[in-house]
Amino acid sequence: MKNRALSETIGDSQGRALVLRNLGKLCAKQGDIAKAKNLFEKALAIYEELGDKLAMARIYNELGLLFSHGLESEGVVAEKVEN
């Protein structure tokens, strides 16, 4: 959290977005899907503002992985595959 506060203080949008993305990945690994999604969406908003298309693609990838993991944990993916 120290890096995030520092990035906000010095106006480092790129650094702030990276911290948010990394926190999102950590939350996802810990199973907190809602918090991870929220953090990824905040990072995405910053990258959109910066026009960083590569970073935006990375966030969309993270959101896709999060979505598929969420569906797997709910048994939806297995159900779809079986049908």
PDB file of N, CA and C in Angstrom:
ATOM      1  N   MET A   1       0.812  -1.191   0.000  1.00  0.00           N
ATOM      2  CA  MET A   1       0.000   0.000   0.000  1.00  0.00           C
ATOM      3  C   MET A   1       0.864   1.267   0.000  1.00  0.00           C
ATOM      4  N   LYS A   2       2.086   1.137   0.506  1.00  0.00           N
ATOM      5  CA  LYS A   2       2.990   2.272   0.552  1.00  0.00           C
ATOM      6  C   LYS A   2       3.297   2.769  -0.860  1.00  0.00           C
ATOM      7  N   ASN A   3       3.548   1.837  -1.795  1.00  0.00           N
ATOM      8  CA  ASN A   3       3.843   2.215  -3.180  1.00  0.00           C
ATOM      9  C   ASN A   3       2.658   2.907  -3.825  1.00  0.00           C
ATOM     10  N   ARG A   4       1.458   2.433  -3.515  1.00  0.00           N
ATOM     11  CA  ARG A   4       0.249   3.035  -4.084  1.00  0.00           C
ATOM     12  C   ARG A   4       0.102   4.476  -3.610  1.00  0.00           C
ATOM     13  N   ALA A   5       0.299   4.723  -2.327  1.00  0.00           N
ATOM     14  CA  ALA A   5       0.198   6.077  -1.780  1.00  0.00           C
ATOM     15  C   ALA A   5       1.270   6.984  -2.386  1.00  0.00           C
ATOM     16  N   LEU A   6       2.478   6.454  -2.533  1.00  0.00           N
ATOM     17  CA  LEU A   6       3.560   7.228  -3.128  1.00  0.00           C
ATOM     18  C   LEU A   6       3.246   7.569  -4.578  1.00  0.00           C
ATOM     19  N   SER A   7       2.719   6.610  -5.328  1.00  0.00           N
ATOM     20  CA  SER A   7       2.372   6.854  -6.731  1.00  0.00           C
ATOM     21  C   SER A   7       1.307   7.936  -6.850  1.00  0.00           C
ATOM     22  N   GLU A   8       0.344   7.917  -5.938  1.00  0.00           N
ATOM     23  CA  GLU A   8      -0.713   8.938  -5.959  1.00  0.00           C
ATOM     24  C   GLU A   8      -0.134  10.303  -5.614  1.00  0.00           C
ATOM     25  N   THR A   9       0.780  10.342  -4.643  1.00  0.00           N
ATOM     26  CA  THR A   9       1.360  11.604  -4.190  1.00  0.00           C
ATOM     27  C   THR A   9       2.162  12.279  -5.293  1.00  0.00           C
ATOM     28  N   ILE A  10       2.935  11.510  -6.031  1.00  0.00           N
ATOM     29  CA  ILE A  10       3.788  12.115  -7.062  1.00  0.00           C
ATOM     30  C   ILE A  10       3.107  12.181  -8.431  1.00  0.00           C
ATOM     31  N   GLY A  11       1.867  11.705  -8.497  1.00  0.00           N
ATOM     32  CA  GLY A  11       1.134  11.787  -9.757  1.00  0.00           C
ATOM     33  C   GLY A  11       1.579  10.774 -10.792  1.00  0.00           C
ATOM     34  N   ASP A  12       2.081   9.652 -10.355  1.00  0.00           N
ATOM     35  CA  ASP A  12       2.559   8.602 -11.251  1.00  0.00           C
ATOM     36  C   ASP A  12       1.397   7.672 -11.611  1.00  0.00           C
ATOM     37  N   SER A  13       0.643   8.040 -12.632  1.00  0.00           N
ATOM     38  CA  SER A  13      -0.535   7.257 -13.018  1.00  0.00           C
ATOM     39  C   SER A  13      -0.167   5.853 -13.467  1.00  0.00           C
ATOM     40  N   GLN A  14       0.901   5.731 -14.232  1.00  0.00           N
ATOM     41  CA  GLN A  14       1.341   4.421 -14.716  1.00  0.00           C
ATOM     42  C   GLN A  14       1.690   3.511 -13.539  1.00  0.00           C
ATOM     43  N   GLY A  15       2.417   4.064 -12.575  1.00  0.00           N
ATOM     44  CA  GLY A  15       2.800   3.296 -11.390  1.00  0.00           C
ATOM     45  C   GLY A  15       1.585   2.920 -10.554  1.00  0.00           C
ATOM     46  N   ARG A  16       0.649   3.835 -10.424  1.00  0.00           N
ATOM     47  CA  ARG A  16      -0.574   3.565  -9.651  1.00  0.00           C
ATOM     48  C   ARG A  16      -1.365   2.434 -10.293  1.00  0.00           C
ATOM     49  N   ALA A  17      -1.495   2.480 -11.606  1.00  0.00           N
ATOM     50  CA  ALA A  17      -2.232   1.433 -12.317  1.00  0.00           C
ATOM     51  C   ALA A  17      -1.546   0.078 -12.152  1.00  0.00           C
ATOM     52  N   LEU A  18      -0.225   0.074 -12.193  1.00  0.00           N
ATOM     53  CA  LEU A  18       0.519  -1.173 -12.019  1.00  0.00           C
ATOM     54  C   LEU A  18       0.304  -1.745 -10.616  1.00  0.00           C
ATOM     55  N   VAL A  19       0.314  -0.882  -9.618  1.00  0.00           N
ATOM     56  CA  VAL A  19       0.068  -1.336  -8.248  1.00  0.00           C
ATOM     57  C   VAL A  19      -1.336  -1.915  -8.133  1.00  0.00           C
ATOM     58  N   LEU A  20      -2.326  -1.231  -8.722  1.00  0.00           N
ATOM     59  CA  LEU A  20      -3.703  -1.724  -8.689  1.00  0.00           C
ATOM     60  C   LEU A  20      -3.812  -3.090  -9.375  1.00  0.00           C
ATOM     61  N   ARG A  21      -3.127  -3.233 -10.506  1.00  0.00           N
ATOM     62  CA  ARG A  21      -3.149  -4.517 -11.219  1.00  0.00           C
ATOM     63  C   ARG A  21      -2.540  -5.626 -10.360  1.00  0.00           C
ATOM     64  N   ASN A  22      -1.404  -5.335  -9.746  1.00  0.00           N
ATOM     65  CA  ASN A  22      -0.749  -6.339  -8.915  1.00  0.00           C
ATOM     66  C   ASN A  22      -1.586  -6.692  -7.694  1.00  0.00           C
ATOM     67  N   LEU A  23      -2.229  -5.704  -7.091  1.00  0.00           N
ATOM     68  CA  LEU A  23      -3.128  -5.983  -5.969  1.00  0.00           C
ATOM     69  C   LEU A  23      -4.312  -6.832  -6.433  1.00  0.00           C
ATOM     70  N   GLY A  24      -4.797  -6.564  -7.637  1.00  0.00           N
ATOM     71  CA  GLY A  24      -5.881  -7.362  -8.203  1.00  0.00           C
ATOM     72  C   GLY A  24      -5.473  -8.816  -8.388  1.00  0.00           C
ATOM     73  N   LYS A  25      -4.249  -9.012  -8.868  1.00  0.00           N
ATOM     74  CA  LYS A  25      -3.749 -10.380  -9.044  1.00  0.00           C
ATOM     75  C   LYS A  25      -3.632 -11.093  -7.705  1.00  0.00           C
ATOM     76  N   LEU A  26      -3.184 -10.374  -6.688  1.00  0.00           N
ATOM     77  CA  LEU A  26      -3.063 -10.952  -5.350  1.00  0.00           C
ATOM     78  C   LEU A  26      -4.447 -11.338  -4.807  1.00  0.00           C
ATOM     79  N   CYS A  27      -5.412 -10.441  -4.951  1.00  0.00           N
ATOM     80  CA  CYS A  27      -6.775 -10.739  -4.482  1.00  0.00           C
ATOM     81  C   CYS A  27      -7.357 -11.935  -5.224  1.00  0.00           C
ATOM     82  N   ALA A  28      -7.091 -12.020  -6.514  1.00  0.00           N
ATOM     83  CA  ALA A  28      -7.589 -13.150  -7.302  1.00  0.00           C
ATOM     84  C   ALA A  28      -7.002 -14.456  -6.785  1.00  0.00           C
ATOM     85  N   LYS A  29      -5.704 -14.452  -6.499  1.00  0.00           N
ATOM     86  CA  LYS A  29      -5.057 -15.672  -5.975  1.00  0.00           C
ATOM     87  C   LYS A  29      -5.624 -16.068  -4.616  1.00  0.00           C
ATOM     88  N   GLN A  30      -6.048 -15.064  -3.856  1.00  0.00           N
ATOM     89  CA  GLN A  30      -6.617 -15.331  -2.542  1.00  0.00           C
ATOM     90  C   GLN A  30      -8.103 -15.672  -2.613  1.00  0.00           C
ATOM     91  N   GLY A  31      -8.662 -15.613  -3.820  1.00  0.00           N
ATOM     92  CA  GLY A  31     -10.060 -15.988  -4.016  1.00  0.00           C
ATOM     93  C   GLY A  31     -11.061 -14.868  -3.829  1.00  0.00           C
ATOM     94  N   ASP A  32     -10.589 -13.643  -3.653  1.00  0.00           N
ATOM     95  CA  ASP A  32     -11.502 -12.507  -3.499  1.00  0.00           C
ATOM     96  C   ASP A  32     -11.788 -11.917  -4.883  1.00  0.00           C
ATOM     97  N   ILE A  33     -12.689 -12.569  -5.592  1.00  0.00           N
ATOM     98  CA  ILE A  33     -12.980 -12.230  -6.989  1.00  0.00           C
ATOM     99  C   ILE A  33     -13.541 -10.812  -7.131  1.00  0.00           C
ATOM    100  N   ALA A  34     -14.468 -10.441  -6.257  1.00  0.00           N
ATOM    101  CA  ALA A  34     -15.098  -9.116  -6.351  1.00  0.00           C
ATOM    102  C   ALA A  34     -14.074  -8.004  -6.169  1.00  0.00           C
ATOM    103  N   LYS A  35     -13.198  -8.156  -5.190  1.00  0.00           N
ATOM    104  CA  LYS A  35     -12.186  -7.131  -4.949  1.00  0.00           C
ATOM    105  C   LYS A  35     -11.188  -7.083  -6.097  1.00  0.00           C
ATOM    106  N   ALA A  36     -10.797  -8.242  -6.603  1.00  0.00           N
ATOM    107  CA  ALA A  36      -9.867  -8.290  -7.734  1.00  0.00           C
ATOM    108  C   ALA A  36     -10.472  -7.587  -8.948  1.00  0.00           C
ATOM    109  N   LYS A  37     -11.722  -7.861  -9.221  1.00  0.00           N
ATOM    110  CA  LYS A  37     -12.413  -7.229 -10.363  1.00  0.00           C
ATOM    111  C   LYS A  37     -12.418  -5.716 -10.199  1.00  0.00           C
ATOM    112  N   ASN A  38     -12.723  -5.255  -9.000  1.00  0.00           N
ATOM    113  CA  ASN A  38     -12.755  -3.824  -8.732  1.00  0.00           C
ATOM    114  C   ASN A  38     -11.388  -3.183  -8.961  1.00  0.00           C
ATOM    115  N   LEU A  39     -10.335  -3.828  -8.488  1.00  0.00           N
ATOM    116  CA  LEU A  39      -8.987  -3.297  -8.667  1.00  0.00           C
ATOM    117  C   LEU A  39      -8.570  -3.297 -10.133  1.00  0.00           C
ATOM    118  N   PHE A  40      -8.894  -4.366 -10.856  1.00  0.00           N
ATOM    119  CA  PHE A  40      -8.574  -4.416 -12.285  1.00  0.00           C
ATOM    120  C   PHE A  40      -9.312  -3.310 -13.044  1.00  0.00           C
ATOM    121  N   GLU A  41     -10.562  -3.070 -12.681  1.00  0.00           N
ATOM    122  CA  GLU A  41     -11.337  -2.030 -13.366  1.00  0.00           C
ATOM    123  C   GLU A  41     -10.774  -0.636 -13.087  1.00  0.00           C
ATOM    124  N   LYS A  42     -10.276  -0.410 -11.877  1.00  0.00           N
ATOM    125  CA  LYS A  42      -9.644   0.875 -11.565  1.00  0.00           C
ATOM    126  C   LYS A  42      -8.365   1.047 -12.388  1.00  0.00           C
ATOM    127  N   ALA A  43      -7.581  -0.022 -12.486  1.00  0.00           N
ATOM    128  CA  ALA A  43      -6.352   0.034 -13.291  1.00  0.00           C
ATOM    129  C   ALA A  43      -6.697   0.279 -14.756  1.00  0.00           C
ATOM    130  N   LEU A  44      -7.736  -0.400 -15.232  1.00  0.00           N
ATOM    131  CA  LEU A  44      -8.160  -0.229 -16.626  1.00  0.00           C
ATOM    132  C   LEU A  44      -8.538   1.218 -16.915  1.00  0.00           C
ATOM    133  N   ALA A  45      -9.256   1.846 -16.002  1.00  0.00           N
ATOM    134  CA  ALA A  45      -9.655   3.242 -16.197  1.00  0.00           C
ATOM    135  C   ALA A  45      -8.442   4.151 -16.347  1.00  0.00           C
ATOM    136  N   ILE A  46      -7.410   3.901 -15.560  1.00  0.00           N
ATOM    137  CA  ILE A  46      -6.190   4.707 -15.654  1.00  0.00           C
ATOM    138  C   ILE A  46      -5.497   4.465 -16.990  1.00  0.00           C
ATOM    139  N   TYR A  47      -5.390   3.197 -17.380  1.00  0.00           N
ATOM    140  CA  TYR A  47      -4.739   2.883 -18.655  1.00  0.00           C
ATOM    141  C   TYR A  47      -5.516   3.463 -19.833  1.00  0.00           C
ATOM    142  N   GLU A  48      -6.836   3.464 -19.746  1.00  0.00           N
ATOM    143  CA  GLU A  48      -7.647   4.075 -20.807  1.00  0.00           C
ATOM    144  C   GLU A  48      -7.358   5.567 -20.896  1.00  0.00           C
ATOM    145  N   GLU A  49      -7.273   6.209 -19.742  1.00  0.00           N
ATOM    146  CA  GLU A  49      -6.978   7.637 -19.687  1.00  0.00           C
ATOM    147  C   GLU A  49      -5.604   7.939 -20.293  1.00  0.00           C
ATOM    148  N   LEU A  50      -4.656   7.037 -20.054  1.00  0.00           N
ATOM    149  CA  LEU A  50      -3.300   7.207 -20.589  1.00  0.00           C
ATOM    150  C   LEU A  50      -3.187   6.801 -22.056  1.00  0.00           C
ATOM    151  N   GLY A  51      -4.192   6.038 -22.542  1.00  0.00           N
ATOM    152  CA  GLY A  51      -4.139   5.550 -23.920  1.00  0.00           C
ATOM    153  C   GLY A  51      -3.162   4.401 -24.098  1.00  0.00           C
ATOM    154  N   ASP A  52      -2.869   3.685 -23.033  1.00  0.00           N
ATOM    155  CA  ASP A  52      -1.911   2.575 -23.064  1.00  0.00           C
ATOM    156  C   ASP A  52      -2.643   1.288 -23.461  1.00  0.00           C
ATOM    157  N   LYS A  53      -2.668   1.024 -24.755  1.00  0.00           N
ATOM    158  CA  LYS A  53      -3.442  -0.108 -25.269  1.00  0.00           C
ATOM    159  C   LYS A  53      -2.868  -1.468 -24.866  1.00  0.00           C
ATOM    160  N   LEU A  54      -1.565  -1.575 -24.772  1.00  0.00           N
ATOM    161  CA  LEU A  54      -0.960  -2.838 -24.351  1.00  0.00           C
ATOM    162  C   LEU A  54      -1.355  -3.159 -22.907  1.00  0.00           C
ATOM    163  N   ALA A  55      -1.258  -2.169 -22.040  1.00  0.00           N
ATOM    164  CA  ALA A  55      -1.644  -2.379 -20.641  1.00  0.00           C
ATOM    165  C   ALA A  55      -3.145  -2.671 -20.536  1.00  0.00           C
ATOM    166  N   MET A  56      -3.949  -2.018 -21.363  1.00  0.00           N
ATOM    167  CA  MET A  56      -5.389  -2.290 -21.373  1.00  0.00           C
ATOM    168  C   MET A  56      -5.651  -3.741 -21.758  1.00  0.00           C
ATOM    169  N   ALA A  57      -4.921  -4.229 -22.756  1.00  0.00           N
ATOM    170  CA  ALA A  57      -5.081  -5.621 -23.178  1.00  0.00           C
ATOM    171  C   ALA A  57      -4.711  -6.576 -22.044  1.00  0.00           C
ATOM    172  N   ARG A  58      -3.686  -6.222 -21.295  1.00  0.00           N
ATOM    173  CA  ARG A  58      -3.289  -7.065 -20.166  1.00  0.00           C
ATOM    174  C   ARG A  58      -4.388  -7.116 -19.098  1.00  0.00           C
ATOM    175  N   ILE A  59      -5.009  -5.974 -18.850  1.00  0.00           N
ATOM    176  CA  ILE A  59      -6.091  -5.937 -17.859  1.00  0.00           C
ATOM    177  C   ILE A  59      -7.292  -6.732 -18.360  1.00  0.00           C
ATOM    178  N   TYR A  60      -7.628  -6.593 -19.644  1.00  0.00           N
ATOM    179  CA  TYR A  60      -8.739  -7.388 -20.193  1.00  0.00           C
ATOM    180  C   TYR A  60      -8.442  -8.877 -20.055  1.00  0.00           C
ATOM    181  N   ASN A  61      -7.178  -9.259 -20.239  1.00  0.00           N
ATOM    182  CA  ASN A  61      -6.780 -10.648 -20.053  1.00  0.00           C
ATOM    183  C   ASN A  61      -6.996 -11.069 -18.605  1.00  0.00           C
ATOM    184  N   GLU A  62      -6.576 -10.233 -17.673  1.00  0.00           N
ATOM    185  CA  GLU A  62      -6.760 -10.529 -16.241  1.00  0.00           C
ATOM    186  C   GLU A  62      -8.250 -10.689 -15.919  1.00  0.00           C
ATOM    187  N   LEU A  63      -9.077  -9.801 -16.467  1.00  0.00           N
ATOM    188  CA  LEU A  63     -10.520  -9.891 -16.225  1.00  0.00           C
ATOM    189  C   LEU A  63     -11.100 -11.169 -16.818  1.00  0.00           C
ATOM    190  N   GLY A  64     -10.609 -11.568 -17.990  1.00  0.00           N
ATOM    191  CA  GLY A  64     -11.063 -12.813 -18.613  1.00  0.00           C
ATOM    192  C   GLY A  64     -10.688 -14.023 -17.783  1.00  0.00           C
ATOM    193  N   LEU A  65      -9.460 -14.023 -17.276  1.00  0.00           N
ATOM    194  CA  LEU A  65      -9.023 -15.123 -16.411  1.00  0.00           C
ATOM    195  C   LEU A  65      -9.839 -15.157 -15.130  1.00  0.00           C
ATOM    196  N   LEU A  66     -10.116 -13.992 -14.603  1.00  0.00           N
ATOM    197  CA  LEU A  66     -10.910 -13.890 -13.384  1.00  0.00           C
ATOM    198  C   LEU A  66     -12.316 -14.425 -13.621  1.00  0.00           C
ATOM    199  N   PHE A  67     -12.890 -14.036 -14.745  1.00  0.00           N
ATOM    200  CA  PHE A  67     -14.232 -14.489 -15.098  1.00  0.00           C
ATOM    201  C   PHE A  67     -14.271 -16.002 -15.264  1.00  0.00           C
ATOM    202  N   SER A  68     -13.302 -16.558 -15.994  1.00  0.00           N
ATOM    203  CA  SER A  68     -13.312 -18.001 -16.214  1.00  0.00           C
ATOM    204  C   SER A  68     -13.055 -18.750 -14.908  1.00  0.00           C
ATOM    205  N   HIS A  69     -12.195 -18.203 -14.064  1.00  0.00           N
ATOM    206  CA  HIS A  69     -11.937 -18.832 -12.765  1.00  0.00           C
ATOM    207  C   HIS A  69     -13.195 -18.789 -11.897  1.00  0.00           C
ATOM    208  N   GLY A  70     -13.897 -17.671 -11.927  1.00  0.00           N
ATOM    209  CA  GLY A  70     -15.126 -17.541 -11.155  1.00  0.00           C
ATOM    210  C   GLY A  70     -16.173 -18.530 -11.611  1.00  0.00           C
ATOM    211  N   LEU A  71     -16.268 -18.728 -12.913  1.00  0.00           N
ATOM    212  CA  LEU A  71     -17.235 -19.687 -13.447  1.00  0.00           C
ATOM    213  C   LEU A  71     -16.832 -21.111 -13.098  1.00  0.00           C
ATOM    214  N   GLU A  72     -15.520 -21.386 -13.154  1.00  0.00           N
ATOM    215  CA  GLU A  72     -15.047 -22.722 -12.795  1.00  0.00           C
ATOM    216  C   GLU A  72     -15.368 -23.036 -11.346  1.00  0.00           C
ATOM    217  N   SER A  73     -15.140 -22.052 -10.474  1.00  0.00           N
ATOM    218  CA  SER A  73     -15.382 -22.299  -9.061  1.00  0.00           C
ATOM    219  C   SER A  73     -16.865 -22.478  -8.769  1.00  0.00           C
ATOM    220  N   GLU A  74     -17.716 -21.954  -9.629  1.00  0.00           N
ATOM    221  CA  GLU A  74     -19.157 -22.127  -9.459  1.00  0.00           C
ATOM    222  C   GLU A  74     -19.670 -23.346 -10.210  1.00  0.00           C
ATOM    223  N   GLY A  75     -18.799 -24.044 -10.920  1.00  0.00           N
ATOM    224  CA  GLY A  75     -19.198 -25.235 -11.650  1.00  0.00           C
ATOM    225  C   GLY A  75     -19.860 -24.955 -12.990  1.00  0.00           C
ATOM    226  N   VAL A  76     -19.915 -23.709 -13.409  1.00  0.00           N
ATOM    227  CA  VAL A  76     -20.587 -23.357 -14.653  1.00  0.00           C
ATOM    228  C   VAL A  76     -19.810 -23.855 -15.866  1.00  0.00           C
ATOM    229  N   VAL A  77     -18.475 -23.708 -15.850  1.00  0.00           N
ATOM    230  CA  VAL A  77     -17.662 -24.115 -16.987  1.00  0.00           C
ATOM    231  C   VAL A  77     -17.767 -25.615 -17.180  1.00  0.00           C
ATOM    232  N   ALA A  78     -17.647 -26.393 -16.124  1.00  0.00           N
ATOM    233  CA  ALA A  78     -17.742 -27.857 -16.228  1.00  0.00           C
ATOM    234  C   ALA A  78     -19.097 -28.261 -16.778  1.00  0.00           C
ATOM    235  N   GLU A  79     -20.128 -27.577 -16.354  1.00  0.00           N
ATOM    236  CA  GLU A  79     -21.483 -27.881 -16.830  1.00  0.00           C
ATOM    237  C   GLU A  79     -21.601 -27.613 -18.333  1.00  0.00           C
ATOM    238  N   LYS A  80     -21.045 -26.504 -18.790  1.00  0.00           N
ATOM    239  CA  LYS A  80     -21.104 -26.143 -20.212  1.00  0.00           C
ATOM    240  C   LYS A  80     -20.323 -27.146 -21.057  1.00  0.00           C
ATOM    241  N   VAL A  81     -19.160 -27.579 -20.554  1.00  0.00           N
ATOM    242  CA  VAL A  81     -18.323 -28.524 -21.291  1.00  0.00           C
ATOM    243  C   VAL A  81     -19.026 -29.867 -21.428  1.00  0.00           C
ATOM    244  N   GLU A  82     -19.688 -30.292 -20.381  1.00  0.00           N
ATOM    245  CA  GLU A  82     -20.367 -31.584 -20.400  1.00  0.00           C
ATOM    246  C   GLU A  82     -21.544 -31.603 -21.373  1.00  0.00           C
ATOM    247  N   ASN A  83     -22.191 -30.473 -21.567  1.00  0.00           N
ATOM    248  CA  ASN A  83     -23.352 -30.401 -22.454  1.00  0.00           C
ATOM    249  C   ASN A  83     -22.895 -30.148 -23.827  1.00  0.00           C
TER     250      ASN A  83
END
